[in-house]
Amino acid sequence: MLGQLNRQGISLNSFVRWGSLCVWLLVAQGCQPRNKYAAPPPPKVTVALPVKEPVQVYFETTGQTRAVQQVDLQARVGGYLKKINFKDGEMVKAGDVLFEIDQDTYLAAVESAKASLKRADAQLRLADQQLLRTRDLAKEDAATQSALDIQTADRDSREADVDAAKAALREAELNLSYTLITAPFSGRMGRHLVDIGNLIIAGQTMLGSLESVDPIHAYFTVSESDLLNFMEMQKAGRLKPITEADPLRLDLALGDTQDYRFHGQLDFRKFGINPATGTTERRAVFPNDPPDLLPGLFVRIRAAVGDPHPYLLVDEQALGRDQRGDFLLVVNKKNIVETRPVKLGPMNAGLQAIESGITETDHVIIQGVQRARPGAEVQPELVAMDSLIKAREGSADQQQNEDQSADEKSDSAATQMRSEEKGPANEEAAEKNTPAETSPDLEPRKKRSSDSATSSGPGNSSTPSSPVKQQKSR
């Protein structure tokens, strides 16, 4: 082998040096310390102690509003419509004259009835005088009893004619009064359905409609299971019985909001359960001055169930749910994450009431739930339970202010741009050819569009849905 290396031009000394270098490199590499796996630090989470406060439990359902009184206006006498004394959609008071039918025919009927009454009175006076003379003659045996009986019957007949004439006059005066169609109660008129000059047929022609405004009714249903539950609570003394002297107080919110700013009371309970739906009907009455509640609105209705009860409250964002149900993640004394199954109660101002599953001393993870794993170690940071809610509300208010400021800047920039686009020649032409009220500028058009959008009222034809027991309280 050495001979081969010599023949290839490699000396023995070079071979030895290269071999020593390789051995040294291998030894040096084996003596260096090895890299060890370093575990990452535990994730940081935010924890808070549950807040214990009394919470009011509410029964909540949906319903629809209806007018307390509603009438379709029809005339009781026929004739030609002469006058309409209201504007469509106007508020009217009880007794206001709404429609007037031509009265000439009915005035003539009243005068004819008065003349008939005078004639009947005259005939009665004559019959009375004839009866007196016949009685005097009968006392002197100058008249027979038969003649006296005839005169008595004639006088009674004339008296009946007077009564009939009085009734005919009363009827004529009533028909005359029916030519004025008045409002039977205060409320808001709909649109008129017949124009002036049209022939009105008594009891058939629809003139318009009138609905009362204040107060207003709200109809809703209670399921069979909820009704039985309330009955059991009354028997146990946890609910007060509903009486006329102490009716059930109810709160109302519009649409799907939680602003229960209308307050009324229960005034009707239907007896029995509808077997087709398994529900029973209820009705509440609410003051409506000013008339913010319109008939036919979809509304939310709630009633307090019993007295407030103390609950442990946590931020609703701390809740988790799996196939086993609702749970919370808590941190024990060793900073290890544990899972606690919980039973939920009602909501209270963004905090979820917990009926069972945690204690007042548990550190509940309210932020960083995604980084926390049951059985793993974490780095907890203790804060107040409602701190995140206040932070979210502050962020929402700030965002709203920023959006409003951006809109104002945008409007200002658009106004400035429009003013820059107007040259002296354009302004002079606009002054000569275009009146101020019909200027083609964008600003008046924007104002007219907003006015027309404001004038259109909302409509809702939603039907009531099934009741929900637990909701937020304000």
Protein backbone atom coordinates (compact mmCIF):
# COMPACT_ATOMS: atom_id res chain seq x y z
CA MET A 1 0.00 0.00 0.00
CA LEU A 2 2.87 2.38 0.84
CA GLY A 3 4.42 1.53 -2.44
CA GLN A 4 1.20 2.49 -4.24
CA LEU A 5 1.09 5.81 -2.36
CA ASN A 6 4.66 6.51 -3.29
CA ARG A 7 3.93 5.73 -6.91
CA GLN A 8 0.95 8.19 -6.74
CA GLY A 9 3.21 10.97 -5.44
CA ILE A 10 1.94 11.02 -1.82
CA SER A 11 4.62 10.83 0.84
CA LEU A 12 4.34 8.87 4.08
CA ASN A 13 4.66 12.01 6.20
CA SER A 14 1.69 13.65 4.47
CA PHE A 15 -0.42 10.58 5.03
CA VAL A 16 0.43 10.54 8.74
CA ARG A 17 -0.37 14.26 9.11
CA TRP A 18 -3.74 13.87 7.44
CA GLY A 19 -4.60 10.89 9.58
CA SER A 20 -3.70 12.72 12.79
CA LEU A 21 -5.88 15.68 11.77
CA CYS A 22 -8.92 13.47 11.19
CA VAL A 23 -8.49 11.73 14.53
CA TRP A 24 -8.19 15.12 16.29
CA LEU A 25 -11.37 16.42 14.65
CA LEU A 26 -13.31 13.31 15.67
CA VAL A 27 -12.10 13.58 19.26
CA ALA A 28 -12.90 17.32 19.43
CA GLN A 29 -16.39 16.78 18.11
CA GLY A 30 -17.13 14.05 20.61
CA CYS A 31 -16.02 16.21 23.55
CA GLN A 32 -18.50 19.09 22.86
CA PRO A 33 -21.69 19.22 25.05
CA ARG A 34 -24.93 17.96 23.40
CA ASN A 35 -28.06 20.21 22.77
CA LYS A 36 -30.93 19.47 25.14
CA TYR A 37 -34.70 20.16 24.50
CA ALA A 38 -35.93 23.18 26.49
CA ALA A 39 -39.71 23.21 27.15
CA PRO A 40 -41.54 26.49 26.31
CA PRO A 41 -42.83 28.59 29.23
CA PRO A 42 -46.44 28.00 30.31
CA PRO A 43 -48.96 30.12 28.37
CA LYS A 44 -50.31 33.26 29.97
CA VAL A 45 -54.03 33.42 30.78
CA THR A 46 -56.30 35.94 32.50
CA VAL A 47 -58.32 34.69 35.45
CA ALA A 48 -60.95 36.25 37.71
CA LEU A 49 -62.95 35.34 40.77
CA PRO A 50 -66.71 34.88 40.27
CA VAL A 51 -68.89 37.78 41.39
CA LYS A 52 -71.78 36.94 43.74
CA GLU A 53 -74.81 39.16 43.21
CA PRO A 54 -78.61 38.82 43.40
CA VAL A 55 -80.11 38.22 39.95
CA GLN A 56 -83.74 38.50 38.91
CA VAL A 57 -85.03 35.58 36.85
CA TYR A 58 -87.44 36.52 34.07
CA PHE A 59 -89.95 34.66 31.96
CA GLU A 60 -89.66 36.01 28.43
CA THR A 61 -91.79 35.45 25.36
CA THR A 62 -92.81 37.19 22.16
CA GLY A 63 -96.09 38.79 21.20
CA GLN A 64 -97.85 41.30 18.98
CA THR A 65 -99.53 44.59 19.71
CA ARG A 66 -103.15 45.34 18.86
CA ALA A 67 -105.37 48.37 19.30
CA VAL A 68 -107.66 48.26 22.32
CA GLN A 69 -110.55 49.52 20.16
CA GLN A 70 -110.97 49.30 16.38
CA VAL A 71 -114.04 50.19 14.31
CA ASP A 72 -114.96 50.22 10.62
CA LEU A 73 -117.04 53.32 10.00
CA GLN A 74 -120.31 52.86 8.07
CA ALA A 75 -123.29 55.19 7.62
CA ARG A 76 -126.65 54.31 9.15
CA VAL A 77 -128.52 56.30 6.48
CA GLY A 78 -128.04 56.66 2.75
CA GLY A 79 -127.26 59.73 0.71
CA TYR A 80 -124.53 61.58 -1.11
CA LEU A 81 -121.28 62.26 0.78
CA LYS A 82 -121.01 66.01 1.23
CA LYS A 83 -117.95 66.62 3.42
CA ILE A 84 -114.87 64.93 4.97
CA ASN A 85 -113.63 66.68 8.13
CA PHE A 86 -110.27 64.97 8.74
CA LYS A 87 -106.94 64.29 7.07
CA ASP A 88 -105.89 60.72 6.44
CA GLY A 89 -103.94 59.36 9.42
CA GLU A 90 -104.95 62.24 11.69
CA MET A 91 -105.58 61.93 15.43
CA VAL A 92 -109.23 62.60 16.32
CA LYS A 93 -111.16 62.88 19.57
CA ALA A 94 -114.37 61.16 20.61
CA GLY A 95 -117.38 63.02 19.20
CA ASP A 96 -115.53 64.74 16.33
CA VAL A 97 -117.56 64.84 13.10
CA LEU A 98 -115.68 62.81 10.48
CA PHE A 99 -118.10 62.57 7.52
CA GLU A 100 -121.20 64.55 6.55
CA ILE A 101 -123.99 63.23 4.29
CA ASP A 102 -126.32 65.59 2.42
CA GLN A 103 -129.10 66.54 4.88
CA ASP A 104 -131.76 68.14 2.65
CA THR A 105 -133.94 65.03 2.40
CA TYR A 106 -133.76 64.37 6.12
CA LEU A 107 -134.50 68.00 7.03
CA ALA A 108 -137.66 67.78 4.92
CA ALA A 109 -138.62 64.53 6.67
CA VAL A 110 -138.25 66.26 10.05
CA GLU A 111 -140.49 69.15 8.96
CA SER A 112 -143.10 66.70 7.64
CA ALA A 113 -143.05 64.78 10.93
CA LYS A 114 -143.53 68.02 12.88
CA ALA A 115 -146.58 68.90 10.73
CA SER A 116 -148.08 65.45 11.30
CA LEU A 117 -147.64 65.91 15.03
CA LYS A 118 -149.46 69.26 14.94
CA ARG A 119 -152.33 67.72 13.01
CA ALA A 120 -152.59 64.85 15.50
CA ASP A 121 -152.58 67.35 18.40
CA ALA A 122 -155.43 69.28 16.81
CA GLN A 123 -157.49 66.14 16.29
CA LEU A 124 -156.87 65.14 19.91
CA ARG A 125 -158.06 68.51 21.22
CA LEU A 126 -161.23 68.25 19.12
CA ALA A 127 -161.88 64.71 20.39
CA ASP A 128 -161.45 65.91 23.99
CA GLN A 129 -164.04 68.67 23.47
CA GLN A 130 -166.50 66.29 21.81
CA LEU A 131 -166.11 63.85 24.71
CA LEU A 132 -166.83 66.58 27.28
CA ARG A 133 -170.04 67.63 25.45
CA THR A 134 -171.23 64.02 25.15
CA ARG A 135 -170.66 63.44 28.88
CA ASP A 136 -172.74 66.54 29.72
CA LEU A 137 -175.55 65.37 27.45
CA ALA A 138 -175.41 61.88 28.93
CA LYS A 139 -175.90 63.33 32.42
CA GLU A 140 -179.12 64.98 31.21
CA ASP A 141 -180.20 61.83 29.38
CA ALA A 142 -179.83 63.73 26.08
CA ALA A 143 -177.19 61.29 24.76
CA THR A 144 -177.08 57.56 24.87
CA GLN A 145 -174.37 55.49 26.51
CA SER A 146 -173.41 54.18 23.09
CA ALA A 147 -172.65 57.70 21.85
CA LEU A 148 -170.53 58.30 24.97
CA ASP A 149 -168.55 55.13 24.35
CA ILE A 150 -167.94 56.11 20.71
CA GLN A 151 -166.62 59.53 21.71
CA THR A 152 -164.36 57.99 24.38
CA ALA A 153 -162.86 55.57 21.86
CA ASP A 154 -162.37 58.39 19.33
CA ARG A 155 -160.52 60.47 21.92
CA ASP A 156 -158.22 57.51 22.80
CA SER A 157 -157.54 56.90 19.10
CA ARG A 158 -156.55 60.54 18.59
CA GLU A 159 -154.24 60.29 21.60
CA ALA A 160 -152.55 57.26 20.01
CA ASP A 161 -152.16 59.23 16.77
CA VAL A 162 -150.27 61.91 18.71
CA ASP A 163 -147.92 59.31 20.17
CA ALA A 164 -147.27 57.85 16.71
CA ALA A 165 -146.58 61.34 15.31
CA LYS A 166 -144.08 61.97 18.12
CA ALA A 167 -142.31 58.68 17.36
CA ALA A 168 -142.17 59.54 13.65
CA LEU A 169 -140.65 62.93 14.50
CA ARG A 170 -138.08 61.26 16.75
CA GLU A 171 -137.15 58.84 13.98
CA ALA A 172 -136.79 61.66 11.46
CA GLU A 173 -134.54 63.59 13.87
CA LEU A 174 -132.42 60.46 14.44
CA ASN A 175 -132.00 59.93 10.69
CA LEU A 176 -130.97 63.56 10.40
CA SER A 177 -128.38 63.10 13.15
CA TYR A 178 -127.05 59.96 11.42
CA THR A 179 -125.97 62.10 8.47
CA LEU A 180 -123.08 63.23 10.71
CA ILE A 181 -120.71 60.29 11.26
CA THR A 182 -118.75 60.99 14.47
CA ALA A 183 -115.79 59.30 16.14
CA PRO A 184 -117.02 56.84 18.81
CA PHE A 185 -113.68 57.11 20.66
CA SER A 186 -110.37 58.95 20.44
CA GLY A 187 -107.73 57.49 18.17
CA ARG A 188 -106.01 57.64 14.81
CA MET A 189 -107.98 57.63 11.55
CA GLY A 190 -106.99 55.57 8.56
CA ARG A 191 -107.48 56.80 5.01
CA HIS A 192 -110.94 57.70 3.72
CA LEU A 193 -112.39 55.03 1.42
CA VAL A 194 -115.09 57.15 -0.26
CA ASP A 195 -114.64 60.52 -1.93
CA ILE A 196 -117.00 63.49 -1.76
CA GLY A 197 -120.02 63.19 -4.09
CA ASN A 198 -120.33 59.41 -3.96
CA LEU A 199 -123.62 57.75 -3.04
CA ILE A 200 -123.57 56.15 0.40
CA ILE A 201 -125.66 53.00 0.96
CA ALA A 202 -126.77 52.58 4.55
CA GLY A 203 -125.05 49.71 6.34
CA GLN A 204 -122.98 48.68 3.29
CA THR A 205 -120.58 51.42 2.20
CA MET A 206 -117.28 51.43 4.16
CA LEU A 207 -116.20 55.01 4.87
CA GLY A 208 -112.95 54.45 6.81
CA SER A 209 -111.47 52.90 9.95
CA LEU A 210 -110.51 54.23 13.37
CA GLU A 211 -108.11 52.66 15.90
CA SER A 212 -107.47 53.70 19.48
CA VAL A 213 -103.91 54.62 20.41
CA ASP A 214 -103.62 54.93 24.19
CA PRO A 215 -103.52 52.43 25.83
CA ILE A 216 -102.53 49.49 23.62
CA HIS A 217 -102.81 45.71 24.03
CA ALA A 218 -100.08 43.11 23.58
CA TYR A 219 -101.12 39.47 23.07
CA PHE A 220 -98.80 36.55 23.84
CA THR A 221 -98.98 32.85 24.69
CA VAL A 222 -97.73 30.69 27.57
CA SER A 223 -96.86 27.04 26.99
CA GLU A 224 -98.46 24.25 28.97
CA SER A 225 -95.17 23.29 30.68
CA ASP A 226 -94.46 26.88 31.77
CA LEU A 227 -98.01 27.29 33.05
CA LEU A 228 -97.76 24.12 35.16
CA ASN A 229 -94.38 25.27 36.49
CA PHE A 230 -95.83 28.62 37.55
CA MET A 231 -98.76 26.90 39.24
CA GLU A 232 -96.36 24.71 41.24
CA MET A 233 -94.33 27.76 42.26
CA GLN A 234 -97.50 29.49 43.47
CA LYS A 235 -98.44 26.46 45.54
CA ALA A 236 -94.94 26.43 47.06
CA GLY A 237 -95.18 30.13 47.92
CA ARG A 238 -92.42 31.23 45.56
CA LEU A 239 -94.83 33.22 43.38
CA LYS A 240 -97.54 35.63 44.47
CA PRO A 241 -101.04 34.92 43.17
CA ILE A 242 -102.30 37.22 40.42
CA THR A 243 -105.33 39.27 41.53
CA GLU A 244 -107.17 42.35 40.26
CA ALA A 245 -105.80 44.35 43.17
CA ASP A 246 -102.22 43.15 42.49
CA PRO A 247 -101.91 42.33 38.76
CA LEU A 248 -98.80 40.86 37.19
CA ARG A 249 -96.32 43.54 36.10
CA LEU A 250 -94.90 43.14 32.58
CA ASP A 251 -92.12 44.82 30.60
CA LEU A 252 -92.05 45.24 26.82
CA ALA A 253 -89.26 45.77 24.29
CA LEU A 254 -89.56 46.36 20.57
CA GLY A 255 -88.29 43.83 18.03
CA ASP A 256 -85.29 41.77 19.08
CA THR A 257 -83.82 44.43 21.39
CA GLN A 258 -83.36 44.11 25.15
CA ASP A 259 -84.50 47.67 25.95
CA TYR A 260 -87.55 46.97 28.12
CA ARG A 261 -88.67 50.60 28.41
CA PHE A 262 -92.45 50.01 28.29
CA HIS A 263 -94.19 48.87 31.46
CA GLY A 264 -97.72 47.55 31.82
CA GLN A 265 -99.76 44.83 33.46
CA LEU A 266 -101.66 41.64 32.68
CA ASP A 267 -105.38 42.26 32.13
CA PHE A 268 -106.70 39.05 30.53
CA ARG A 269 -106.03 35.29 30.98
CA LYS A 270 -107.78 32.80 28.74
CA PHE A 271 -109.09 29.82 30.65
CA GLY A 272 -107.81 26.45 29.44
CA ILE A 273 -105.17 25.17 27.00
CA ASN A 274 -105.51 25.06 23.24
CA PRO A 275 -105.03 21.35 22.44
CA ALA A 276 -103.83 22.13 18.91
CA THR A 277 -100.90 24.31 20.05
CA GLY A 278 -100.42 23.37 23.72
CA THR A 279 -100.52 27.05 24.72
CA THR A 280 -102.89 29.47 26.42
CA GLU A 281 -103.46 33.10 25.46
CA ARG A 282 -102.63 36.10 27.63
CA ARG A 283 -103.07 39.83 27.11
CA ALA A 284 -101.28 42.81 28.64
CA VAL A 285 -102.16 46.50 28.51
CA PHE A 286 -99.50 49.22 28.20
CA PRO A 287 -99.78 53.03 28.38
CA ASN A 288 -98.98 54.55 24.99
CA ASP A 289 -98.56 58.29 25.43
CA PRO A 290 -96.65 59.35 23.33
CA PRO A 291 -97.81 56.72 20.81
CA ASP A 292 -94.51 54.88 20.31
CA LEU A 293 -96.27 51.50 20.12
CA LEU A 294 -98.11 50.77 16.88
CA PRO A 295 -100.68 48.01 16.31
CA GLY A 296 -99.19 44.89 14.75
CA LEU A 297 -95.63 45.28 16.08
CA PHE A 298 -93.49 42.25 16.98
CA VAL A 299 -92.52 42.75 20.64
CA ARG A 300 -90.67 40.99 23.44
CA ILE A 301 -92.48 40.64 26.77
CA ARG A 302 -91.02 39.59 30.09
CA ALA A 303 -92.22 39.13 33.66
CA ALA A 304 -90.22 38.71 36.85
CA VAL A 305 -90.38 35.18 38.26
CA GLY A 306 -90.14 35.30 42.05
CA ASP A 307 -87.69 37.45 44.00
CA PRO A 308 -83.99 38.05 43.10
CA HIS A 309 -81.72 35.12 44.00
CA PRO A 310 -77.93 35.29 44.63
CA TYR A 311 -75.84 33.73 41.85
CA LEU A 312 -72.14 33.43 40.98
CA LEU A 313 -71.52 35.47 37.82
CA VAL A 314 -68.80 34.99 35.19
CA ASP A 315 -68.01 36.57 31.85
CA GLU A 316 -70.07 34.79 29.19
CA GLN A 317 -66.98 34.51 26.95
CA ALA A 318 -65.39 32.17 29.49
CA LEU A 319 -68.02 29.50 28.83
CA GLY A 320 -67.27 26.44 26.74
CA ARG A 321 -69.51 23.70 25.41
CA ASP A 322 -68.89 20.13 24.35
CA GLN A 323 -70.92 16.94 24.03
CA ARG A 324 -71.25 16.72 27.81
CA GLY A 325 -72.65 20.25 28.17
CA ASP A 326 -71.41 23.63 29.41
CA PHE A 327 -68.13 23.97 31.28
CA LEU A 328 -65.60 26.47 32.64
CA LEU A 329 -61.81 26.25 32.85
CA VAL A 330 -60.34 27.09 36.27
CA VAL A 331 -56.75 27.30 37.55
CA ASN A 332 -55.94 25.48 40.81
CA LYS A 333 -53.32 26.39 43.40
CA LYS A 334 -50.58 24.65 41.37
CA ASN A 335 -51.49 26.69 38.26
CA ILE A 336 -52.91 23.58 36.59
CA VAL A 337 -55.98 23.94 34.38
CA GLU A 338 -59.09 22.01 35.44
CA THR A 339 -62.46 21.53 33.73
CA ARG A 340 -65.63 22.26 35.72
CA PRO A 341 -69.05 21.26 34.31
CA VAL A 342 -71.57 23.96 35.22
CA LYS A 343 -75.31 24.54 35.19
CA LEU A 344 -76.28 27.90 33.72
CA GLY A 345 -78.71 30.42 35.16
CA PRO A 346 -80.01 33.73 33.72
CA MET A 347 -77.94 36.50 32.15
CA ASN A 348 -77.25 39.70 34.04
CA ALA A 349 -75.66 42.71 32.27
CA GLY A 350 -73.27 40.62 30.18
CA LEU A 351 -72.41 38.19 32.99
CA GLN A 352 -73.63 34.61 33.02
CA ALA A 353 -75.14 33.33 36.26
CA ILE A 354 -73.91 29.89 37.33
CA GLU A 355 -76.27 27.77 39.40
CA SER A 356 -73.76 25.04 40.25
CA GLY A 357 -70.27 23.79 39.33
CA ILE A 358 -67.91 26.46 40.76
CA THR A 359 -67.24 28.24 44.06
CA GLU A 360 -66.45 31.82 45.00
CA THR A 361 -62.72 31.02 45.35
CA ASP A 362 -62.23 29.44 41.91
CA HIS A 363 -59.96 31.29 39.48
CA VAL A 364 -61.95 31.15 36.26
CA ILE A 365 -60.10 31.65 32.97
CA ILE A 366 -61.82 34.51 31.16
CA GLN A 367 -59.16 35.26 28.52
CA GLY A 368 -56.76 32.91 26.79
CA VAL A 369 -59.14 29.94 26.92
CA GLN A 370 -57.76 28.72 23.57
CA ARG A 371 -54.24 28.43 25.02
CA ALA A 372 -55.33 26.59 28.16
CA ARG A 373 -55.49 22.79 28.10
CA PRO A 374 -56.94 20.74 30.96
CA GLY A 375 -54.07 19.22 32.96
CA ALA A 376 -51.47 21.70 31.63
CA GLU A 377 -49.68 24.43 33.55
CA VAL A 378 -50.39 28.12 32.85
CA GLN A 379 -49.28 31.54 34.06
CA PRO A 380 -52.44 33.18 35.52
CA GLU A 381 -52.98 36.93 35.79
CA LEU A 382 -55.78 37.92 38.21
CA VAL A 383 -58.18 40.73 37.17
CA ALA A 384 -61.72 41.82 38.02
CA MET A 385 -64.49 39.75 36.48
CA ASP A 386 -66.14 42.67 34.68
CA SER A 387 -62.90 44.22 33.40
CA LEU A 388 -63.18 42.66 29.95
CA ILE A 389 -66.79 43.77 29.60
CA LYS A 390 -65.83 47.37 30.39
CA ALA A 391 -62.93 47.14 27.96
CA ARG A 392 -65.20 45.85 25.19
CA GLU A 393 -67.76 48.58 25.84
CA GLY A 394 -65.04 51.25 25.81
CA SER A 395 -63.64 49.88 22.56
CA ALA A 396 -67.10 49.89 20.98
CA ASP A 397 -67.71 53.51 22.04
CA GLN A 398 -64.31 54.54 20.71
CA GLN A 399 -64.97 52.82 17.39
CA GLN A 400 -68.34 54.54 17.14
CA ASN A 401 -66.75 57.93 17.78
CA GLU A 402 -64.07 57.24 15.17
CA ASP A 403 -66.68 56.24 12.61
CA GLN A 404 -68.69 59.38 13.34
CA SER A 405 -65.58 61.54 13.01
CA ALA A 406 -64.70 59.86 9.72
CA ASP A 407 -68.21 60.50 8.38
CA GLU A 408 -67.99 64.16 9.35
CA LYS A 409 -64.61 64.51 7.63
CA SER A 410 -65.96 62.80 4.53
CA ASP A 411 -68.98 65.13 4.41
CA SER A 412 -66.73 68.16 4.89
CA ALA A 413 -64.40 67.03 2.11
CA ALA A 414 -67.33 66.42 -0.24
CA THR A 415 -68.75 69.88 0.50
CA GLN A 416 -65.38 71.49 -0.14
CA MET A 417 -64.99 69.56 -3.38
CA ARG A 418 -68.40 70.71 -4.59
CA SER A 419 -67.59 74.33 -3.76
CA GLU A 420 -64.26 74.11 -5.63
CA GLU A 421 -65.96 72.65 -8.70
CA LYS A 422 -68.24 75.70 -8.90
CA GLY A 423 -66.55 78.35 -11.03
CA PRO A 424 -67.63 81.99 -11.36
CA ALA A 425 -69.27 81.28 -14.72
CA ASN A 426 -71.20 78.34 -13.35
CA GLU A 427 -72.35 80.29 -10.31
CA GLU A 428 -73.54 83.17 -12.52
CA ALA A 429 -75.41 80.80 -14.80
CA ALA A 430 -76.95 79.06 -11.84
CA GLU A 431 -78.14 82.37 -10.40
CA LYS A 432 -79.76 83.34 -13.73
CA ASN A 433 -81.31 80.06 -14.79
CA THR A 434 -81.88 78.01 -11.62
CA PRO A 435 -84.06 79.10 -8.66
CA ALA A 436 -82.61 78.57 -5.19
CA GLU A 437 -85.20 76.01 -4.17
CA THR A 438 -84.59 73.85 -7.31
CA SER A 439 -80.81 74.07 -7.40
CA PRO A 440 -79.21 70.95 -8.94
CA ASP A 441 -76.61 70.95 -6.18
CA LEU A 442 -76.15 67.69 -4.34
CA GLU A 443 -76.86 69.02 -0.88
CA PRO A 444 -80.61 69.74 -1.36
CA ARG A 445 -81.03 66.37 -3.06
CA LYS A 446 -79.43 64.68 -0.07
CA LYS A 447 -81.73 66.53 2.28
CA ARG A 448 -84.84 65.61 0.29
CA SER A 449 -83.78 61.97 0.20
CA SER A 450 -83.29 61.88 3.95
CA ASP A 451 -86.67 63.55 4.51
CA SER A 452 -88.45 61.04 2.33
CA ALA A 453 -86.69 58.16 4.07
CA THR A 454 -87.72 59.50 7.45
CA SER A 455 -91.36 59.87 6.46
CA SER A 456 -91.80 56.18 5.66
CA GLY A 457 -92.86 54.18 8.73
CA PRO A 458 -91.66 50.69 9.58
CA GLY A 459 -93.83 47.64 9.10
CA ASN A 460 -93.75 44.23 10.76
CA SER A 461 -95.83 41.14 10.29
CA SER A 462 -93.87 38.66 12.37
CA THR A 463 -95.74 36.07 14.32
CA PRO A 464 -95.06 35.23 17.97
CA SER A 465 -92.51 32.52 18.71
CA SER A 466 -92.07 30.12 21.60
CA PRO A 467 -91.23 31.53 25.05
CA VAL A 468 -87.73 31.67 26.49
CA LYS A 469 -87.23 31.57 30.23
CA GLN A 470 -83.79 33.07 30.81
CA GLN A 471 -82.79 36.46 29.45
CA LYS A 472 -80.76 39.53 30.36
CA SER A 473 -82.07 41.91 32.97
CA ARG A 474 -81.47 45.62 32.73
